[in-house]
């Protein structure tokens, strides 16, 4: 792996980590603040506030992907495909458990995007280690 790609990976981990930390803080903060807010514009803004850190995470990924060479892009695409399969399986499993009232996870859709992104990172690391 070239120094340019190593540098891009370091930058991505820093930017992505900051975005996901901000996401967690914003979700918790917005949820806490929304308890005392009447329906309207302010509540809508609080509900949509966690989208901003996800946009930052997407920008970090795009910056990483553009800086990768052909081999690294292939690894990222393979990791994305495997992560999608695992994510679909996880969503179906949670959906069935929820529909049969075996298990209830109320924020499932809020955390599914970050789950897929983190899963992609883990699968990508595993694929890199195996090659």
C-alpha atoms as a PDB file:
ATOM      1  CA  UNK A   1       0.000   0.000   0.000  1.00  0.00           C
ATOM      2  CA  UNK A   2       1.427   3.341  -1.018  1.00  0.00           C
ATOM      3  CA  UNK A   3       2.111   6.167   1.391  1.00  0.00           C
ATOM      4  CA  UNK A   4      -0.590   8.246  -0.341  1.00  0.00           C
ATOM      5  CA  UNK A   5      -3.222   5.594   0.358  1.00  0.00           C
ATOM      6  CA  UNK A   6      -2.017   5.112   3.946  1.00  0.00           C
ATOM      7  CA  UNK A   7      -2.337   8.857   4.453  1.00  0.00           C
ATOM      8  CA  UNK A   8      -5.824   8.843   2.912  1.00  0.00           C
ATOM      9  CA  UNK A   9      -6.847   5.961   5.205  1.00  0.00           C
ATOM     10  CA  UNK A  10      -5.577   7.822   8.280  1.00  0.00           C
ATOM     11  CA  UNK A  11      -7.454  10.966   7.233  1.00  0.00           C
ATOM     12  CA  UNK A  12     -10.602   8.914   6.630  1.00  0.00           C
ATOM     13  CA  UNK A  13     -10.429   7.228  10.054  1.00  0.00           C
ATOM     14  CA  UNK A  14     -10.016  10.608  11.730  1.00  0.00           C
ATOM     15  CA  UNK A  15     -12.813  12.301   9.769  1.00  0.00           C
ATOM     16  CA  UNK A  16     -15.147   9.315  10.018  1.00  0.00           C
ATOM     17  CA  UNK A  17     -14.468   8.838  13.733  1.00  0.00           C
ATOM     18  CA  UNK A  18     -15.192  12.504  14.400  1.00  0.00           C
ATOM     19  CA  UNK A  19     -18.399  12.334  12.336  1.00  0.00           C
ATOM     20  CA  UNK A  20     -19.648   9.218  14.148  1.00  0.00           C
ATOM     21  CA  UNK A  21     -18.802  10.678  17.559  1.00  0.00           C
ATOM     22  CA  UNK A  22     -20.674  13.819  16.601  1.00  0.00           C
ATOM     23  CA  UNK A  23     -23.568  11.658  15.357  1.00  0.00           C
ATOM     24  CA  UNK A  24     -23.867   9.896  18.709  1.00  0.00           C
ATOM     25  CA  UNK A  25     -23.717  13.180  20.615  1.00  0.00           C
ATOM     26  CA  UNK A  26     -26.289  14.832  18.330  1.00  0.00           C
ATOM     27  CA  UNK A  27     -28.692  11.869  18.495  1.00  0.00           C
ATOM     28  CA  UNK A  28     -28.547  11.760  22.287  1.00  0.00           C
ATOM     29  CA  UNK A  29     -28.712  15.549  22.615  1.00  0.00           C
ATOM     30  CA  UNK A  30     -31.560  15.968  20.139  1.00  0.00           C
ATOM     31  CA  UNK A  31     -33.514  13.151  21.780  1.00  0.00           C
ATOM     32  CA  UNK A  32     -33.052  14.739  25.188  1.00  0.00           C
ATOM     33  CA  UNK A  33     -33.992  18.233  23.990  1.00  0.00           C
ATOM     34  CA  UNK A  34     -37.006  16.981  22.009  1.00  0.00           C
ATOM     35  CA  UNK A  35     -38.750  15.812  25.175  1.00  0.00           C
ATOM     36  CA  UNK A  36     -39.815  19.366  26.042  1.00  0.00           C
ATOM     37  CA  UNK A  37     -40.487  20.679  22.527  1.00  0.00           C
ATOM     38  CA  UNK A  38     -43.926  20.964  20.979  1.00  0.00           C
ATOM     39  CA  UNK A  39     -44.450  19.680  17.425  1.00  0.00           C
ATOM     40  CA  UNK A  40     -43.367  22.261  14.893  1.00  0.00           C
ATOM     41  CA  UNK A  41     -40.295  23.700  13.215  1.00  0.00           C
ATOM     42  CA  UNK A  42     -37.962  23.310  16.208  1.00  0.00           C
ATOM     43  CA  UNK A  43     -38.886  19.664  16.675  1.00  0.00           C
ATOM     44  CA  UNK A  44     -38.382  19.078  12.955  1.00  0.00           C
ATOM     45  CA  UNK A  45     -34.900  20.627  13.174  1.00  0.00           C
ATOM     46  CA  UNK A  46     -34.066  18.464  16.185  1.00  0.00           C
ATOM     47  CA  UNK A  47     -35.284  15.362  14.371  1.00  0.00           C
ATOM     48  CA  UNK A  48     -33.139  16.140  11.332  1.00  0.00           C
ATOM     49  CA  UNK A  49     -30.040  17.326  13.222  1.00  0.00           C
ATOM     50  CA  UNK A  50     -28.374  13.866  13.204  1.00  0.00           C
ATOM     51  CA  UNK A  51     -28.388  13.890   9.404  1.00  0.00           C
ATOM     52  CA  UNK A  52     -25.621  16.547   9.338  1.00  0.00           C
ATOM     53  CA  UNK A  53     -22.922  14.291  10.867  1.00  0.00           C
ATOM     54  CA  UNK A  54     -23.932  11.507   8.470  1.00  0.00           C
ATOM     55  CA  UNK A  55     -23.343  13.928   5.586  1.00  0.00           C
ATOM     56  CA  UNK A  56     -19.876  14.567   7.025  1.00  0.00           C
ATOM     57  CA  UNK A  57     -19.241  10.803   7.158  1.00  0.00           C
ATOM     58  CA  UNK A  58     -20.347  10.475   3.518  1.00  0.00           C
ATOM     59  CA  UNK A  59     -17.993  13.272   2.493  1.00  0.00           C
ATOM     60  CA  UNK A  60     -15.153  11.510   4.331  1.00  0.00           C
ATOM     61  CA  UNK A  61     -15.909   8.306   2.444  1.00  0.00           C
ATOM     62  CA  UNK A  62     -16.062  10.044  -0.932  1.00  0.00           C
ATOM     63  CA  UNK A  63     -12.699  11.702  -0.227  1.00  0.00           C
ATOM     64  CA  UNK A  64     -11.234   8.312   0.648  1.00  0.00           C
ATOM     65  CA  UNK A  65     -12.706   6.530  -2.372  1.00  0.00           C
ATOM     66  CA  UNK A  66     -11.450   9.167  -4.829  1.00  0.00           C
ATOM     67  CA  UNK A  67      -7.910   8.845  -3.482  1.00  0.00           C
ATOM     68  CA  UNK A  68      -7.776   5.029  -3.774  1.00  0.00           C
ATOM     69  CA  UNK A  69      -6.082   3.116  -6.558  1.00  0.00           C
ATOM     70  CA  UNK A  70      -7.817   0.387  -8.565  1.00  0.00           C
ATOM     71  CA  UNK A  71      -6.875  -2.448  -6.156  1.00  0.00           C
ATOM     72  CA  UNK A  72      -8.065  -0.557  -3.108  1.00  0.00           C
ATOM     73  CA  UNK A  73     -11.308   0.419  -4.829  1.00  0.00           C
ATOM     74  CA  UNK A  74     -11.918  -3.248  -5.585  1.00  0.00           C
ATOM     75  CA  UNK A  75     -11.356  -4.127  -1.920  1.00  0.00           C
ATOM     76  CA  UNK A  76     -13.768  -1.372  -0.905  1.00  0.00           C
ATOM     77  CA  UNK A  77     -16.379  -2.567  -3.404  1.00  0.00           C
ATOM     78  CA  UNK A  78     -16.024  -6.175  -2.200  1.00  0.00           C
ATOM     79  CA  UNK A  79     -16.362  -4.999   1.395  1.00  0.00           C
ATOM     80  CA  UNK A  80     -19.464  -2.984   0.467  1.00  0.00           C
ATOM     81  CA  UNK A  81     -21.080  -6.018  -1.174  1.00  0.00           C
ATOM     82  CA  UNK A  82     -20.397  -8.274   1.817  1.00  0.00           C
ATOM     83  CA  UNK A  83     -21.537  -5.585   4.244  1.00  0.00           C
ATOM     84  CA  UNK A  84     -24.767  -5.174   2.302  1.00  0.00           C
ATOM     85  CA  UNK A  85     -25.459  -8.913   2.532  1.00  0.00           C
ATOM     86  CA  UNK A  86     -24.730  -8.969   6.258  1.00  0.00           C
ATOM     87  CA  UNK A  87     -26.799  -5.799   6.754  1.00  0.00           C
ATOM     88  CA  UNK A  88     -29.779  -7.245   4.897  1.00  0.00           C
ATOM     89  CA  UNK A  89     -29.561 -10.387   7.020  1.00  0.00           C
ATOM     90  CA  UNK A  90     -29.374  -8.297  10.203  1.00  0.00           C
ATOM     91  CA  UNK A  91     -32.351  -6.147   9.123  1.00  0.00           C
ATOM     92  CA  UNK A  92     -34.456  -9.201   8.290  1.00  0.00           C
ATOM     93  CA  UNK A  93     -33.528 -10.866  11.566  1.00  0.00           C
ATOM     94  CA  UNK A  94     -34.423  -7.775  13.611  1.00  0.00           C
ATOM     95  CA  UNK A  95     -37.599  -7.299  11.581  1.00  0.00           C
ATOM     96  CA  UNK A  96     -38.803 -10.841  12.222  1.00  0.00           C
ATOM     97  CA  UNK A  97     -37.905 -10.679  15.912  1.00  0.00           C
ATOM     98  CA  UNK A  98     -39.752  -7.381  16.169  1.00  0.00           C
ATOM     99  CA  UNK A  99     -42.833  -8.569  14.233  1.00  0.00           C
ATOM    100  CA  UNK A 100     -43.136 -11.656  16.439  1.00  0.00           C
ATOM    101  CA  UNK A 101     -42.622  -9.418  19.503  1.00  0.00           C
ATOM    102  CA  UNK A 102     -39.649 -11.482  20.660  1.00  0.00           C
ATOM    103  CA  UNK A 103     -37.306  -8.521  20.744  1.00  0.00           C
ATOM    104  CA  UNK A 104     -37.975  -4.805  20.450  1.00  0.00           C
ATOM    105  CA  UNK A 105     -35.328  -2.347  19.383  1.00  0.00           C
ATOM    106  CA  UNK A 106     -36.989   1.016  18.936  1.00  0.00           C
ATOM    107  CA  UNK A 107     -34.151   2.885  17.261  1.00  0.00           C
ATOM    108  CA  UNK A 108     -33.365   0.240  14.671  1.00  0.00           C
ATOM    109  CA  UNK A 109     -33.603   2.552  11.665  1.00  0.00           C
ATOM    110  CA  UNK A 110     -31.577   5.312  13.345  1.00  0.00           C
ATOM    111  CA  UNK A 111     -28.571   3.067  13.837  1.00  0.00           C
ATOM    112  CA  UNK A 112     -28.807   0.972  10.651  1.00  0.00           C
ATOM    113  CA  UNK A 113     -26.826   3.420   8.501  1.00  0.00           C
ATOM    114  CA  UNK A 114     -23.964   3.803  10.977  1.00  0.00           C
ATOM    115  CA  UNK A 115     -24.052   0.020  11.496  1.00  0.00           C
ATOM    116  CA  UNK A 116     -23.574  -0.561   7.756  1.00  0.00           C
ATOM    117  CA  UNK A 117     -20.772   1.976   7.561  1.00  0.00           C
ATOM    118  CA  UNK A 118     -18.950   0.476  10.555  1.00  0.00           C
ATOM    119  CA  UNK A 119     -19.523  -3.023   9.194  1.00  0.00           C
ATOM    120  CA  UNK A 120     -18.026  -1.953   5.863  1.00  0.00           C
ATOM    121  CA  UNK A 121     -14.928  -0.743   7.715  1.00  0.00           C
ATOM    122  CA  UNK A 122     -14.553  -4.002   9.621  1.00  0.00           C
ATOM    123  CA  UNK A 123     -15.105  -6.167   6.530  1.00  0.00           C
ATOM    124  CA  UNK A 124     -12.653  -4.027   4.562  1.00  0.00           C
ATOM    125  CA  UNK A 125      -9.997  -4.482   7.253  1.00  0.00           C
ATOM    126  CA  UNK A 126     -10.572  -8.251   7.210  1.00  0.00           C
ATOM    127  CA  UNK A 127     -10.297  -8.376   3.402  1.00  0.00           C
ATOM    128  CA  UNK A 128      -7.097  -6.325   3.462  1.00  0.00           C
ATOM    129  CA  UNK A 129      -5.601  -8.618   6.108  1.00  0.00           C
ATOM    130  CA  UNK A 130      -6.482 -11.708   4.074  1.00  0.00           C
ATOM    131  CA  UNK A 131      -4.796 -10.456   0.876  1.00  0.00           C
END
